Protein backbone atom coordinates (compact mmCIF):
# COMPACT_ATOMS: atom_id res chain seq x y z
CA MET A 1 -9.48 -34.18 35.41
CA ALA A 2 -6.38 -32.21 34.43
CA LEU A 3 -6.35 -33.91 31.10
CA LEU A 4 -9.94 -32.84 30.35
CA TYR A 5 -9.13 -29.25 31.43
CA ARG A 6 -6.05 -29.19 29.20
CA PHE A 7 -8.06 -30.57 26.23
CA LEU A 8 -10.73 -27.80 26.67
CA LEU A 9 -8.05 -25.12 26.80
CA GLU A 10 -6.48 -26.34 23.60
CA ALA A 11 -9.87 -26.53 21.80
CA THR A 12 -10.76 -22.99 22.84
CA ALA A 13 -7.36 -21.71 21.74
CA GLN A 14 -7.74 -23.29 18.35
CA GLN A 15 -11.18 -21.64 17.89
CA THR A 16 -9.94 -18.23 18.77
CA ASP A 17 -6.97 -18.48 16.38
CA LYS A 18 -9.25 -19.03 13.42
CA PRO A 19 -11.00 -16.04 11.87
CA GLY A 20 -14.81 -16.23 11.69
CA GLY A 21 -14.78 -16.05 7.92
CA ILE A 22 -17.56 -14.75 5.80
CA LEU A 23 -20.18 -16.85 7.54
CA GLY A 24 -19.41 -15.26 10.93
CA THR A 25 -19.51 -11.80 9.41
CA LEU A 26 -22.97 -12.58 7.90
CA TYR A 27 -24.30 -13.79 11.16
CA MET A 28 -23.03 -10.64 12.83
CA LEU A 29 -24.63 -8.39 10.23
CA LEU A 30 -27.99 -10.22 10.07
CA PRO A 31 -29.60 -8.45 13.06
CA PHE A 32 -28.73 -5.02 11.64
CA VAL A 33 -30.16 -5.99 8.20
CA LEU A 34 -33.35 -7.23 9.82
CA ILE A 35 -33.78 -4.07 11.91
CA ILE A 36 -33.34 -1.87 8.81
CA GLY A 37 -35.88 -4.05 6.91
CA VAL A 38 -38.44 -3.85 9.66
CA MET A 39 -37.97 -0.09 9.96
CA TYR A 40 -38.56 0.29 6.21
CA PHE A 41 -41.77 -1.64 6.12
CA VAL A 42 -43.12 -0.07 9.43
CA SER A 43 -42.29 3.59 8.96
CA ILE A 44 -40.68 4.62 5.70
CA ARG A 45 -42.99 2.77 3.21
CA PRO A 46 -46.34 3.96 4.77
CA GLN A 47 -45.09 7.50 4.93
CA LYS A 48 -44.20 7.53 1.24
CA LYS A 49 -47.53 5.98 0.46
CA ARG A 50 -49.36 8.85 2.36
CA GLU A 51 -47.19 11.49 0.63
CA LYS A 52 -48.04 10.04 -2.79
CA GLN A 53 -51.75 9.98 -1.90
CA LEU A 54 -51.68 13.61 -0.61
CA LYS A 55 -49.89 14.73 -3.79
CA ALA A 56 -52.55 13.17 -5.90
CA GLN A 57 -55.21 14.86 -3.90
CA LEU A 58 -53.55 18.26 -4.33
CA GLU A 59 -53.30 17.68 -8.04
CA LYS A 60 -57.09 16.91 -8.23
CA MET A 61 -58.07 19.87 -5.97
CA LYS A 62 -60.44 22.39 -7.44
CA PRO A 63 -62.41 25.46 -6.19
CA GLY A 64 -65.14 24.50 -3.81
CA ASP A 65 -63.28 21.61 -2.19
CA LYS A 66 -62.98 21.63 1.60
CA VAL A 67 -59.33 21.68 2.80
CA MET A 68 -57.44 21.74 6.10
CA SER A 69 -54.06 23.35 6.46
CA ILE A 70 -51.18 21.89 8.51
CA GLY A 71 -52.04 24.56 11.11
CA GLY A 72 -55.61 23.34 11.47
CA ILE A 73 -57.43 26.06 9.56
CA VAL A 74 -60.43 24.67 7.69
CA GLY A 75 -62.12 26.31 4.66
CA ARG A 76 -63.27 26.02 1.11
CA VAL A 77 -60.94 26.57 -1.88
CA ALA A 78 -61.69 29.82 -3.66
CA ASN A 79 -58.78 30.04 -6.11
CA ILE A 80 -55.77 27.93 -7.08
CA SER A 81 -52.64 29.40 -8.76
CA ASP A 82 -49.31 27.76 -9.45
CA ASP A 83 -48.27 26.89 -5.91
CA GLU A 84 -50.63 28.91 -3.89
CA VAL A 85 -54.21 28.09 -2.77
CA THR A 86 -56.68 30.76 -1.56
CA ILE A 87 -59.36 29.61 0.78
CA TYR A 88 -62.28 31.32 2.48
CA SER A 89 -62.88 30.39 6.11
CA GLY A 90 -65.17 31.27 9.00
CA VAL A 91 -68.52 33.04 9.09
CA ALA A 92 -67.22 36.25 7.55
CA ASN A 93 -65.60 34.29 4.61
CA THR A 94 -62.14 35.52 5.51
CA MET A 95 -59.78 34.92 2.57
CA LEU A 96 -56.45 33.19 3.34
CA THR A 97 -53.71 32.31 0.98
CA PHE A 98 -51.47 29.26 1.53
CA LYS A 99 -48.81 27.38 -0.29
CA LYS A 100 -50.01 24.04 -1.62
CA SER A 101 -47.46 22.31 0.58
CA ALA A 102 -49.31 23.73 3.71
CA ILE A 103 -52.51 21.81 2.80
CA SER A 104 -52.74 18.60 4.85
CA THR A 105 -56.22 17.26 3.93
CA VAL A 106 -58.47 17.66 0.87
CA VAL A 107 -62.13 16.69 0.90
CA SER A 108 -63.64 16.97 -2.55
CA GLN A 109 -67.21 18.10 -3.10
CA SER A 110 -68.23 14.71 -4.60
CA SER A 111 -67.04 12.74 -1.54
CA GLU A 112 -68.60 15.24 0.78
CA SER A 113 -72.04 14.89 -0.88
CA GLU A 114 -71.79 11.12 -0.57
CA GLU A 115 -71.49 11.34 3.21
């Protein structure tokens, strides 16, 4: 029994003296790489896709389109300048001016008539 115990101690001592090498380092980094990969495909990639789609909608926006601001104000586009959009909203057709970056949703007249 003592011989077996001594043999096991020597085997573990030899294993701890050797460095893990590059393979051990790769196995240690693998979970971190997988987590970063999953985070990219679950959160970052879809967000960039939505941003690209919104940018395309803002470029195609024209007077008469229905828009919603990031604050929840809904109205129709009256005028578009460089980086500002003027909309009219409400029963009294109140004119409001927003930056283009403050528009969160654009519904064009053609897609609205299809519904």
